[in-house]
Amino acid sequence: MAHVERIWVKRAHRGPMDRVERAQLVAGHGVAGSADQGGKRQVTLVSTERWAEATAALGRAVDPVARRANLLVSGLDLEHTTGRTLKIGACRLRIHGETRPCQRMDEAWPGLQDALRPHWGGGAYAEILGGGEISVGDQVAWQAPPAAESAPLSGDEIVSLCRRHTIFEWSAQAKVDPIPVARAEGVYFWTPEGKRYLDFNSQLMCTNVGHAHPKVVRAIQEQAATLTYANPSMATEPRARLGAKLAAITPGDIDTFFFTNGGAEANENAIRIARLVTGRHKVLARYRSYHGSTAGAITLTGDPRRWNAEPGLPGIVHVPDFHKWGRRDPEPVDAALREVEDVIRYEGPGNIAAFIVESVVGTNGLLVPPDGYMQGVREICSRHGILLIADEVMSGFGRTGRWFAVDHWGIVPDLMTMAKGLTSAYVPLGAVGLRPAIAQAFANRPFPGGLTYNSHPLGCATALATIAVYEEEGLI
């Protein structure tokens, strides 16, 4: 290592600290004591303001001598250097050979490190460019601290930061009290402190193969190492194989798929397709239903979550349910179908593009249609030229014991949406399945839609592995 008479550091670009002149070198492990990464030596800089906040949070003052030993108060230049020894304040730290840390700093370091962690945003890591030496004239590239170098957060810290910087869905933010989750495996998940929960709910009714299934995890790792992303205008092997696989397991002659990021987007695209193919603008949906929270999907939704989004997408009409709110038993099938027919008559059959239904109603009561209802809806739609859209986002992929809930009644919808269990929620992915006559409508005219993450190779590979688990382990 070169003799150091003077070290000059220079920012390669503006970093998180606006005033590098007031930087502070955390020397608990010595200037050259942090681990080499790729042959490049790293030191850590924290602003003096953050240091003060951290020592206050620690609840005790750090030894003044040790503190002085770690303050760079003379701008970017480290003036107190002689030969191979860097001198900062009262500490002498070797930068050649084995590093001897500042003893007082070592004593304070464990608690101080924990206290500094919440304030780390005020600092930066400085990576020495070029070899593993600290030499006169070395430049530093500024970057955020690598997450891997931070100790895991406690459950309370996770909850506090999530509540401070993120928004929880469908909740008054001042009242949320989330469970911190650190890891999960099989049917269990754990808090950072090791408390174990049995995941009866499969999180949001989606981790159908359990958590961290090795086959699915391996597929994600292998795909990430091979091809993490491709422009949706390109063709990839995971996309090709998944399309063919879904064509083999979906009902009837559904054999073409448009991939989305999730269930709500799948429903949005399904009603768009129905309107374009039929030339009609109205869409029927049921009151006791949930189809997602994006603009069109929340308008389709019949439950009170829709209210705050109104007025929503024009042309959405809600029909009475086969199981009325507050009643113990479903309506007689004939009566429920007659109410659907009445609404169609009032709205005009020639104006209605589609009727979207949850095959089994999910968050509005886990309502199973009585035998004959779905068959009757299929017949009514066919008779009036209305496309039947089956929302299988929650009920698909084994949640009812079949691949899809509609399989229980032997019907084939014109369009079918899916997500959640498609990848067991390991990676976001949704899809719209189309029957041939509908897909053919876009043979000679452009399909008017697209997504940056459409047919994402990581999502498609994950779905293929998830479906393989369903088949190989006899889950469906």
Protein backbone atom coordinates (compact mmCIF):
# COMPACT_ATOMS: atom_id res chain seq x y z
CA MET A 1 0.00 0.00 0.00
CA ALA A 2 1.24 3.47 -0.84
CA HIS A 3 2.45 5.75 1.92
CA VAL A 4 -0.35 8.09 2.80
CA GLU A 5 0.62 11.67 3.34
CA ARG A 6 -2.75 13.12 2.43
CA ILE A 7 -6.03 11.44 1.35
CA TRP A 8 -8.22 13.33 -1.06
CA VAL A 9 -11.78 12.11 -1.53
CA LYS A 10 -14.12 13.42 -4.18
CA ARG A 11 -17.76 12.71 -4.84
CA ALA A 12 -18.37 11.14 -8.23
CA HIS A 13 -21.88 12.65 -8.16
CA ARG A 14 -24.24 14.22 -5.66
CA GLY A 15 -25.05 11.72 -2.95
CA PRO A 16 -27.47 11.60 -0.04
CA MET A 17 -25.37 14.08 1.97
CA ASP A 18 -25.47 17.65 0.75
CA ARG A 19 -22.62 18.74 3.03
CA VAL A 20 -19.82 16.25 2.77
CA GLU A 21 -17.62 18.77 4.60
CA ARG A 22 -19.50 17.75 7.72
CA ALA A 23 -19.03 14.07 7.15
CA GLN A 24 -18.15 11.69 9.92
CA LEU A 25 -16.10 8.53 9.56
CA VAL A 26 -17.50 5.67 11.63
CA ALA A 27 -14.25 3.97 12.58
CA GLY A 28 -15.42 1.27 14.96
CA HIS A 29 -13.67 -1.31 12.84
CA GLY A 30 -10.96 0.95 11.52
CA VAL A 31 -10.69 2.84 8.29
CA ALA A 32 -9.56 -0.27 6.43
CA GLY A 33 -11.38 -2.72 8.59
CA SER A 34 -14.62 -3.19 6.67
CA ALA A 35 -14.91 -6.18 4.36
CA ASP A 36 -13.53 -6.02 0.85
CA GLN A 37 -16.21 -6.32 -1.82
CA GLY A 38 -15.01 -7.34 -5.24
CA GLY A 39 -11.51 -6.14 -4.39
CA LYS A 40 -12.79 -2.67 -3.52
CA ARG A 41 -12.39 -1.27 -0.04
CA GLN A 42 -15.36 0.44 1.57
CA VAL A 43 -15.60 2.99 4.35
CA THR A 44 -18.76 4.39 5.85
CA LEU A 45 -19.71 8.05 6.18
CA VAL A 46 -22.51 9.38 8.35
CA SER A 47 -23.49 13.03 8.66
CA THR A 48 -22.77 14.71 12.00
CA GLU A 49 -26.43 15.58 12.37
CA ARG A 50 -27.37 11.91 12.12
CA TRP A 51 -24.61 11.05 14.58
CA ALA A 52 -26.11 13.44 17.11
CA GLU A 53 -29.59 11.94 16.59
CA ALA A 54 -28.19 8.44 16.97
CA THR A 55 -26.32 9.16 20.18
CA ALA A 56 -29.45 10.76 21.57
CA ALA A 57 -31.48 7.71 20.61
CA LEU A 58 -28.84 5.54 22.25
CA GLY A 59 -29.72 7.22 25.52
CA ARG A 60 -26.14 8.03 26.49
CA ALA A 61 -23.35 10.16 25.16
CA VAL A 62 -20.54 8.46 23.31
CA ASP A 63 -17.14 9.05 24.89
CA PRO A 64 -16.05 12.55 23.79
CA VAL A 65 -12.56 11.37 22.85
CA ALA A 66 -13.98 8.57 20.75
CA ARG A 67 -16.41 10.98 19.19
CA ARG A 68 -13.66 13.41 18.30
CA ALA A 69 -11.75 10.54 16.87
CA ASN A 70 -14.48 9.98 14.34
CA LEU A 71 -15.25 13.50 13.21
CA LEU A 72 -13.79 14.89 10.02
CA VAL A 73 -13.99 18.58 10.66
CA SER A 74 -11.59 19.81 8.01
CA GLY A 75 -13.59 19.39 4.84
CA LEU A 76 -12.88 16.66 2.34
CA ASP A 77 -9.21 16.48 3.18
CA LEU A 78 -7.96 14.26 5.98
CA GLU A 79 -5.20 16.53 7.19
CA HIS A 80 -3.85 14.41 10.05
CA THR A 81 -1.98 11.72 8.14
CA THR A 82 1.63 10.63 8.42
CA GLY A 83 3.25 7.76 6.62
CA ARG A 84 1.11 4.66 6.80
CA THR A 85 -0.88 5.85 9.79
CA LEU A 86 -4.04 7.88 9.54
CA LYS A 87 -4.63 10.05 12.57
CA ILE A 88 -8.07 11.46 13.29
CA GLY A 89 -8.32 13.42 16.50
CA ALA A 90 -7.00 11.28 19.35
CA CYS A 91 -7.04 7.90 17.57
CA ARG A 92 -4.30 6.45 15.42
CA LEU A 93 -5.65 3.89 12.94
CA ARG A 94 -3.42 1.80 10.69
CA ILE A 95 -4.39 1.65 7.04
CA HIS A 96 -1.72 -0.83 6.05
CA GLY A 97 -1.76 -4.37 7.34
CA GLU A 98 -4.02 -5.33 10.22
CA THR A 99 -6.27 -2.57 11.46
CA ARG A 100 -6.31 -1.71 15.14
CA PRO A 101 -9.74 -0.23 15.90
CA CYS A 102 -10.22 2.65 18.28
CA GLN A 103 -10.89 0.86 21.56
CA ARG A 104 -13.32 3.38 22.98
CA MET A 105 -15.29 3.29 19.76
CA ASP A 106 -15.45 -0.51 19.86
CA GLU A 107 -16.97 -0.35 23.32
CA ALA A 108 -19.69 2.02 22.17
CA TRP A 109 -20.20 0.49 18.72
CA PRO A 110 -22.82 -2.28 19.31
CA GLY A 111 -25.41 0.03 20.85
CA LEU A 112 -24.49 2.93 18.63
CA GLN A 113 -24.90 0.85 15.49
CA ASP A 114 -28.47 -0.05 16.50
CA ALA A 115 -29.20 3.59 17.30
CA LEU A 116 -27.76 4.75 13.99
CA ARG A 117 -29.74 2.33 11.85
CA PRO A 118 -33.05 4.27 11.73
CA HIS A 119 -31.08 7.38 10.73
CA TRP A 120 -28.95 5.75 8.06
CA GLY A 121 -30.65 7.75 5.31
CA GLY A 122 -28.44 10.70 6.21
CA GLY A 123 -25.27 8.85 5.31
CA ALA A 124 -23.68 7.08 2.41
CA TYR A 125 -21.19 4.36 1.64
CA ALA A 126 -18.01 5.45 -0.06
CA GLU A 127 -16.52 2.84 -2.35
CA ILE A 128 -12.89 3.27 -3.30
CA LEU A 129 -12.61 2.92 -7.06
CA GLY A 130 -9.77 0.88 -8.44
CA GLY A 131 -7.99 -1.87 -6.33
CA GLY A 132 -8.09 -2.43 -2.61
CA GLU A 133 -5.74 0.38 -1.63
CA ILE A 134 -6.49 3.68 -0.01
CA SER A 135 -4.18 6.01 -1.88
CA VAL A 136 -3.66 9.69 -2.42
CA GLY A 137 -6.19 10.91 -4.97
CA ASP A 138 -8.61 7.97 -4.69
CA GLN A 139 -12.13 8.86 -5.74
CA VAL A 140 -15.28 7.60 -4.09
CA ALA A 141 -18.59 6.71 -5.71
CA TRP A 142 -21.58 7.53 -3.52
CA GLN A 143 -24.39 5.07 -3.11
CA ALA A 144 -27.07 4.09 -0.63
CA PRO A 145 -26.02 1.63 2.08
CA PRO A 146 -26.47 -1.97 0.88
CA ALA A 147 -29.42 -3.57 2.64
CA ALA A 148 -27.42 -6.74 3.16
CA GLU A 149 -25.04 -4.89 5.45
CA SER A 150 -27.84 -3.76 7.78
CA ALA A 151 -28.88 -5.91 10.68
CA PRO A 152 -32.49 -7.18 10.44
CA LEU A 153 -35.15 -4.87 11.81
CA SER A 154 -37.18 -5.84 14.84
CA GLY A 155 -40.92 -6.37 14.53
CA ASP A 156 -41.63 -3.00 16.15
CA GLU A 157 -39.18 -1.26 13.80
CA ILE A 158 -40.79 -2.89 10.76
CA VAL A 159 -44.27 -1.83 11.84
CA SER A 160 -43.13 1.68 12.72
CA LEU A 161 -41.37 2.30 9.40
CA CYS A 162 -44.19 0.73 7.38
CA ARG A 163 -46.78 2.91 9.13
CA ARG A 164 -44.58 5.99 8.71
CA HIS A 165 -43.73 5.58 5.04
CA THR A 166 -46.34 3.31 3.44
CA ILE A 167 -50.12 3.15 3.11
CA PHE A 168 -52.11 0.06 4.11
CA GLU A 169 -55.05 -0.82 1.89
CA TRP A 170 -58.68 -0.40 2.94
CA SER A 171 -57.65 1.01 6.33
CA ALA A 172 -57.60 4.20 8.38
CA GLN A 173 -53.83 4.61 8.69
CA ALA A 174 -53.89 5.77 12.32
CA LYS A 175 -55.66 2.57 13.35
CA VAL A 176 -53.73 -0.13 11.49
CA ASP A 177 -51.90 -2.66 13.65
CA PRO A 178 -50.18 -5.04 11.21
CA ILE A 179 -48.41 -8.29 12.07
CA PRO A 180 -44.71 -8.00 11.17
CA VAL A 181 -43.63 -10.92 8.99
CA ALA A 182 -40.00 -11.94 8.61
CA ARG A 183 -40.20 -15.29 6.84
CA ALA A 184 -42.55 -18.09 5.88
CA GLU A 185 -42.36 -21.76 5.00
CA GLY A 186 -45.04 -24.33 4.28
CA VAL A 187 -48.20 -23.43 6.21
CA TYR A 188 -46.46 -21.17 8.72
CA PHE A 189 -45.05 -17.65 8.90
CA TRP A 190 -42.91 -16.06 11.60
CA THR A 191 -42.38 -12.61 13.11
CA PRO A 192 -38.80 -11.29 13.43
CA GLU A 193 -38.91 -12.33 17.08
CA GLY A 194 -39.76 -15.92 16.17
CA LYS A 195 -43.47 -16.04 16.93
CA ARG A 196 -45.06 -18.63 14.63
CA TYR A 197 -48.48 -18.35 12.99
CA LEU A 198 -50.47 -21.03 11.18
CA ASP A 199 -51.49 -19.38 7.91
CA PHE A 200 -55.09 -20.60 7.69
CA ASN A 201 -55.92 -17.81 5.22
CA SER A 202 -53.09 -18.54 2.77
CA GLN A 203 -52.31 -14.84 3.16
CA LEU A 204 -54.82 -13.18 0.80
CA MET A 205 -56.31 -16.51 -0.33
CA CYS A 206 -53.45 -17.03 -2.73
CA THR A 207 -50.43 -19.02 -1.50
CA ASN A 208 -52.08 -22.24 -2.62
CA VAL A 209 -48.93 -24.40 -2.62
CA GLY A 210 -47.73 -23.03 0.70
CA HIS A 211 -44.82 -20.73 1.39
CA ALA A 212 -41.31 -21.17 -0.02
CA HIS A 213 -42.04 -24.36 -1.96
CA PRO A 214 -38.59 -25.43 -3.16
CA LYS A 215 -39.70 -26.25 -6.71
CA VAL A 216 -41.23 -22.82 -7.21
CA VAL A 217 -38.37 -20.99 -5.50
CA ARG A 218 -35.87 -22.85 -7.70
CA ALA A 219 -37.82 -21.93 -10.84
CA ILE A 220 -37.73 -18.26 -9.85
CA GLN A 221 -34.00 -18.40 -9.19
CA GLU A 222 -33.22 -20.17 -12.45
CA GLN A 223 -35.37 -17.84 -14.52
CA ALA A 224 -33.88 -14.77 -12.84
CA ALA A 225 -30.42 -16.03 -13.75
CA THR A 226 -31.46 -16.68 -17.36
CA LEU A 227 -33.85 -13.92 -18.43
CA THR A 228 -35.42 -11.53 -15.96
CA TYR A 229 -37.35 -9.39 -18.45
CA ALA A 230 -38.25 -9.17 -22.11
CA ASN A 231 -40.24 -6.60 -24.05
CA PRO A 232 -43.84 -7.89 -24.31
CA SER A 233 -43.53 -7.64 -28.10
CA MET A 234 -40.99 -10.47 -27.94
CA ALA A 235 -41.63 -14.20 -27.51
CA THR A 236 -40.08 -16.16 -24.65
CA GLU A 237 -40.06 -19.84 -23.70
CA PRO A 238 -41.87 -19.34 -20.35
CA ARG A 239 -44.61 -17.39 -22.11
CA ALA A 240 -44.96 -20.05 -24.82
CA ARG A 241 -45.09 -22.94 -22.38
CA LEU A 242 -47.50 -21.23 -19.99
CA GLY A 243 -49.96 -20.33 -22.74
CA ALA A 244 -50.01 -23.93 -23.92
CA LYS A 245 -50.34 -25.26 -20.37
CA LEU A 246 -53.27 -23.00 -19.51
CA ALA A 247 -55.00 -24.00 -22.72
CA ALA A 248 -54.78 -27.60 -21.51
CA ILE A 249 -56.27 -27.03 -18.04
CA THR A 250 -58.85 -24.28 -18.57
CA PRO A 251 -62.49 -25.17 -19.35
CA GLY A 252 -63.66 -26.13 -22.84
CA ASP A 253 -62.03 -24.43 -25.77
CA ILE A 254 -60.43 -21.47 -23.94
CA ASP A 255 -56.99 -21.45 -25.51
CA THR A 256 -55.67 -17.87 -25.82
CA PHE A 257 -54.40 -15.71 -22.96
CA PHE A 258 -53.52 -12.09 -22.28
CA PHE A 259 -51.20 -11.80 -19.28
CA THR A 260 -51.51 -9.01 -16.73
CA ASN A 261 -49.98 -8.04 -13.38
CA GLY A 262 -52.90 -9.24 -11.27
CA GLY A 263 -56.62 -9.90 -10.97
CA ALA A 264 -57.95 -6.37 -11.17
CA GLU A 265 -56.06 -5.74 -14.41
CA ALA A 266 -57.33 -9.03 -15.78
CA ASN A 267 -60.93 -7.94 -15.13
CA GLU A 268 -60.27 -4.50 -16.64
CA ASN A 269 -59.02 -6.11 -19.84
CA ALA A 270 -61.82 -8.66 -19.91
CA ILE A 271 -64.54 -6.00 -20.00
CA ARG A 272 -62.56 -4.00 -22.55
CA ILE A 273 -62.33 -7.05 -24.79
CA ALA A 274 -66.05 -7.77 -24.37
CA ARG A 275 -67.00 -4.24 -25.37
CA LEU A 276 -64.75 -4.25 -28.42
CA VAL A 277 -65.86 -7.67 -29.64
CA THR A 278 -69.61 -7.10 -29.19
CA GLY A 279 -69.75 -3.40 -30.02
CA ARG A 280 -71.94 -2.94 -26.92
CA HIS A 281 -71.13 -0.80 -23.90
CA LYS A 282 -73.06 -2.05 -20.85
CA VAL A 283 -71.68 -4.66 -18.45
CA LEU A 284 -73.70 -6.50 -15.81
CA ALA A 285 -72.27 -7.38 -12.41
CA ARG A 286 -73.76 -8.54 -9.11
CA TYR A 287 -74.11 -6.55 -5.92
CA ARG A 288 -72.43 -9.09 -3.66
CA SER A 289 -69.17 -9.11 -5.56
CA TYR A 290 -65.59 -7.85 -5.57
CA HIS A 291 -63.57 -7.58 -8.77
CA GLY A 292 -60.62 -5.37 -7.80
CA SER A 293 -59.87 -1.77 -6.90
CA THR A 294 -58.69 -0.22 -10.17
CA ALA A 295 -61.06 2.25 -11.82
CA GLY A 296 -63.12 -0.16 -13.88
CA ALA A 297 -62.84 -3.14 -11.54
CA ILE A 298 -64.07 -1.18 -8.52
CA THR A 299 -67.07 0.01 -10.55
CA LEU A 300 -67.86 -3.62 -11.32
CA THR A 301 -67.63 -4.39 -7.60
CA GLY A 302 -71.02 -4.42 -5.95
CA ASP A 303 -70.12 -4.13 -2.28
CA PRO A 304 -69.71 -0.82 -0.38
CA ARG A 305 -66.04 -0.50 -1.30
CA ARG A 306 -67.37 0.85 -4.59
CA TRP A 307 -69.05 3.88 -3.03
CA ASN A 308 -65.97 6.07 -2.54
CA ALA A 309 -64.95 5.51 -6.18
CA GLU A 310 -68.23 6.72 -7.65
CA PRO A 311 -69.06 7.98 -10.17
CA GLY A 312 -67.12 5.20 -11.82
CA LEU A 313 -66.87 3.64 -15.24
CA PRO A 314 -70.03 4.38 -17.29
CA GLY A 315 -72.25 1.53 -18.40
CA ILE A 316 -71.91 -0.78 -15.36
CA VAL A 317 -75.27 -2.16 -14.16
CA HIS A 318 -75.69 -4.24 -11.01
CA VAL A 319 -78.18 -7.07 -10.75
CA PRO A 320 -79.69 -8.81 -7.69
CA ASP A 321 -77.85 -11.79 -6.26
CA PHE A 322 -78.76 -15.43 -5.98
CA HIS A 323 -78.18 -15.07 -2.22
CA LYS A 324 -79.66 -11.87 -0.76
CA TRP A 325 -77.96 -10.04 2.08
CA GLY A 326 -79.15 -11.08 5.54
CA ARG A 327 -80.95 -14.21 4.37
CA ARG A 328 -79.93 -17.64 5.53
CA ASP A 329 -80.55 -19.49 2.28
CA PRO A 330 -80.10 -18.61 -1.38
CA GLU A 331 -83.05 -17.67 -3.56
CA PRO A 332 -84.77 -20.36 -5.61
CA VAL A 333 -82.86 -20.73 -8.84
CA ASP A 334 -85.82 -19.83 -11.04
CA ALA A 335 -86.45 -16.63 -9.05
CA ALA A 336 -82.79 -15.57 -9.16
CA LEU A 337 -82.57 -16.14 -12.92
CA ARG A 338 -85.84 -14.30 -13.49
CA GLU A 339 -84.39 -11.21 -11.78
CA VAL A 340 -81.38 -11.35 -14.12
CA GLU A 341 -83.72 -11.58 -17.11
CA ASP A 342 -85.73 -8.60 -15.82
CA VAL A 343 -82.63 -6.37 -15.63
CA ILE A 344 -81.57 -7.43 -19.12
CA ARG A 345 -85.02 -6.52 -20.41
CA TYR A 346 -84.91 -3.10 -18.70
CA GLU A 347 -81.39 -2.29 -19.97
CA GLY A 348 -81.90 -3.66 -23.47
CA PRO A 349 -80.22 -6.95 -24.47
CA GLY A 350 -78.62 -5.32 -27.51
CA ASN A 351 -76.79 -2.86 -25.25
CA ILE A 352 -75.16 -5.39 -22.93
CA ALA A 353 -71.65 -6.62 -23.76
CA ALA A 354 -71.02 -8.93 -20.83
CA PHE A 355 -72.11 -10.31 -17.49
CA ILE A 356 -69.18 -10.73 -15.05
CA VAL A 357 -69.62 -13.10 -12.11
CA GLU A 358 -67.42 -14.52 -9.39
CA SER A 359 -67.92 -18.23 -9.95
CA VAL A 360 -67.95 -18.62 -6.16
CA VAL A 361 -68.38 -15.32 -4.32
CA GLY A 362 -65.33 -14.59 -2.17
CA THR A 363 -65.06 -11.67 0.24
CA ASN A 364 -68.80 -11.00 0.18
CA GLY A 365 -69.70 -14.15 2.05
CA LEU A 366 -68.17 -17.25 0.39
CA LEU A 367 -71.40 -17.83 -1.48
CA VAL A 368 -71.71 -21.00 -3.57
CA PRO A 369 -74.32 -20.74 -6.35
CA PRO A 370 -77.10 -23.33 -6.09
CA ASP A 371 -77.05 -26.02 -8.77
CA GLY A 372 -78.67 -24.74 -11.92
CA TYR A 373 -77.85 -21.07 -11.39
CA MET A 374 -74.59 -20.94 -13.35
CA GLN A 375 -76.03 -23.15 -16.08
CA GLY A 376 -79.00 -20.78 -16.28
CA VAL A 377 -76.78 -17.70 -16.49
CA ARG A 378 -74.81 -19.37 -19.28
CA GLU A 379 -78.01 -20.05 -21.23
CA ILE A 380 -79.34 -16.50 -20.76
CA CYS A 381 -76.07 -14.95 -21.94
CA SER A 382 -75.87 -17.21 -24.98
CA ARG A 383 -79.47 -16.44 -25.93
CA HIS A 384 -78.90 -12.66 -25.84
CA GLY A 385 -75.39 -12.58 -27.32
CA ILE A 386 -73.96 -11.43 -23.98
CA LEU A 387 -70.44 -12.64 -23.15
CA LEU A 388 -70.11 -14.45 -19.84
CA ILE A 389 -66.98 -13.49 -17.89
CA ALA A 390 -66.02 -15.81 -15.04
CA ASP A 391 -63.88 -14.10 -12.40
CA GLU A 392 -61.77 -16.97 -11.07
CA VAL A 393 -59.12 -14.76 -9.46
CA MET A 394 -59.86 -16.12 -5.99
CA SER A 395 -61.70 -19.37 -6.74
CA GLY A 396 -59.28 -20.72 -9.35
CA PHE A 397 -56.41 -23.18 -9.03
CA GLY A 398 -57.82 -25.62 -6.55
CA ARG A 399 -59.55 -23.35 -4.05
CA THR A 400 -62.79 -25.27 -4.58
CA GLY A 401 -61.23 -28.67 -5.32
CA ARG A 402 -61.22 -28.26 -9.10
CA TRP A 403 -58.90 -26.31 -11.34
CA PHE A 404 -61.60 -23.67 -11.62
CA ALA A 405 -64.91 -23.26 -9.80
CA VAL A 406 -66.92 -23.25 -13.05
CA ASP A 407 -65.77 -26.83 -13.58
CA HIS A 408 -68.26 -27.90 -10.90
CA TRP A 409 -71.16 -26.92 -13.18
CA GLY A 410 -69.69 -27.99 -16.50
CA ILE A 411 -69.99 -24.60 -18.19
CA VAL A 412 -67.51 -22.74 -20.37
CA PRO A 413 -67.37 -18.94 -19.97
CA ASP A 414 -66.50 -16.78 -22.95
CA LEU A 415 -63.78 -15.03 -20.99
CA MET A 416 -62.15 -16.13 -17.74
CA THR A 417 -59.87 -14.12 -15.45
CA MET A 418 -57.29 -15.53 -13.06
CA ALA A 419 -54.41 -14.50 -10.76
CA LYS A 420 -53.54 -15.33 -7.10
CA GLY A 421 -53.14 -19.14 -7.29
CA LEU A 422 -51.75 -18.87 -10.83
CA THR A 423 -48.32 -18.30 -9.25
CA SER A 424 -49.35 -19.02 -5.66
CA ALA A 425 -48.67 -15.26 -5.32
CA TYR A 426 -44.89 -15.81 -5.34
CA VAL A 427 -44.65 -13.37 -8.25
CA PRO A 428 -47.43 -11.02 -9.49
CA LEU A 429 -49.23 -12.40 -12.54
CA GLY A 430 -52.78 -12.44 -13.86
CA ALA A 431 -54.40 -13.54 -17.09
CA VAL A 432 -57.52 -13.32 -19.22
CA GLY A 433 -58.48 -16.51 -21.04
CA LEU A 434 -60.36 -16.15 -24.36
CA ARG A 435 -62.34 -18.62 -26.44
CA PRO A 436 -61.28 -18.88 -30.11
CA ALA A 437 -64.13 -16.79 -31.56
CA ILE A 438 -63.18 -13.88 -29.30
CA ALA A 439 -59.44 -14.18 -29.86
CA GLN A 440 -60.06 -14.26 -33.61
CA ALA A 441 -61.48 -10.73 -33.43
CA PHE A 442 -57.91 -9.47 -33.03
CA ALA A 443 -56.39 -11.48 -35.83
CA ASN A 444 -56.47 -8.59 -38.29
CA ARG A 445 -56.91 -5.60 -36.03
CA PRO A 446 -54.58 -4.55 -33.23
CA PHE A 447 -55.36 -5.61 -29.70
CA PRO A 448 -55.84 -2.20 -28.04
CA GLY A 449 -54.00 -2.76 -24.79
CA GLY A 450 -50.64 -3.42 -23.25
CA LEU A 451 -48.59 -3.48 -20.07
CA THR A 452 -44.87 -3.09 -19.44
CA TYR A 453 -44.92 -6.34 -17.47
CA ASN A 454 -47.24 -8.24 -19.81
CA SER A 455 -46.11 -11.88 -20.14
CA HIS A 456 -43.24 -11.24 -17.72
CA PRO A 457 -40.82 -14.19 -18.02
CA LEU A 458 -40.32 -14.40 -14.25
CA GLY A 459 -44.08 -14.54 -13.68
CA CYS A 460 -44.65 -17.10 -16.43
CA ALA A 461 -41.86 -19.36 -15.16
CA THR A 462 -43.28 -19.14 -11.64
CA ALA A 463 -46.76 -20.05 -12.89
CA LEU A 464 -45.42 -23.10 -14.74
CA ALA A 465 -43.64 -24.32 -11.61
CA THR A 466 -46.73 -23.69 -9.46
CA ILE A 467 -48.99 -25.64 -11.84
CA ALA A 468 -46.44 -28.47 -11.85
CA VAL A 469 -46.66 -28.62 -8.04
CA TYR A 470 -50.46 -28.81 -8.21
CA GLU A 471 -50.20 -31.75 -10.61
CA GLU A 472 -47.23 -33.64 -9.15
CA GLU A 473 -48.43 -33.45 -5.54
CA GLY A 474 -52.08 -34.19 -6.35
CA LEU A 475 -53.33 -30.93 -4.88
CA ILE A 476 -56.09 -30.63 -7.49
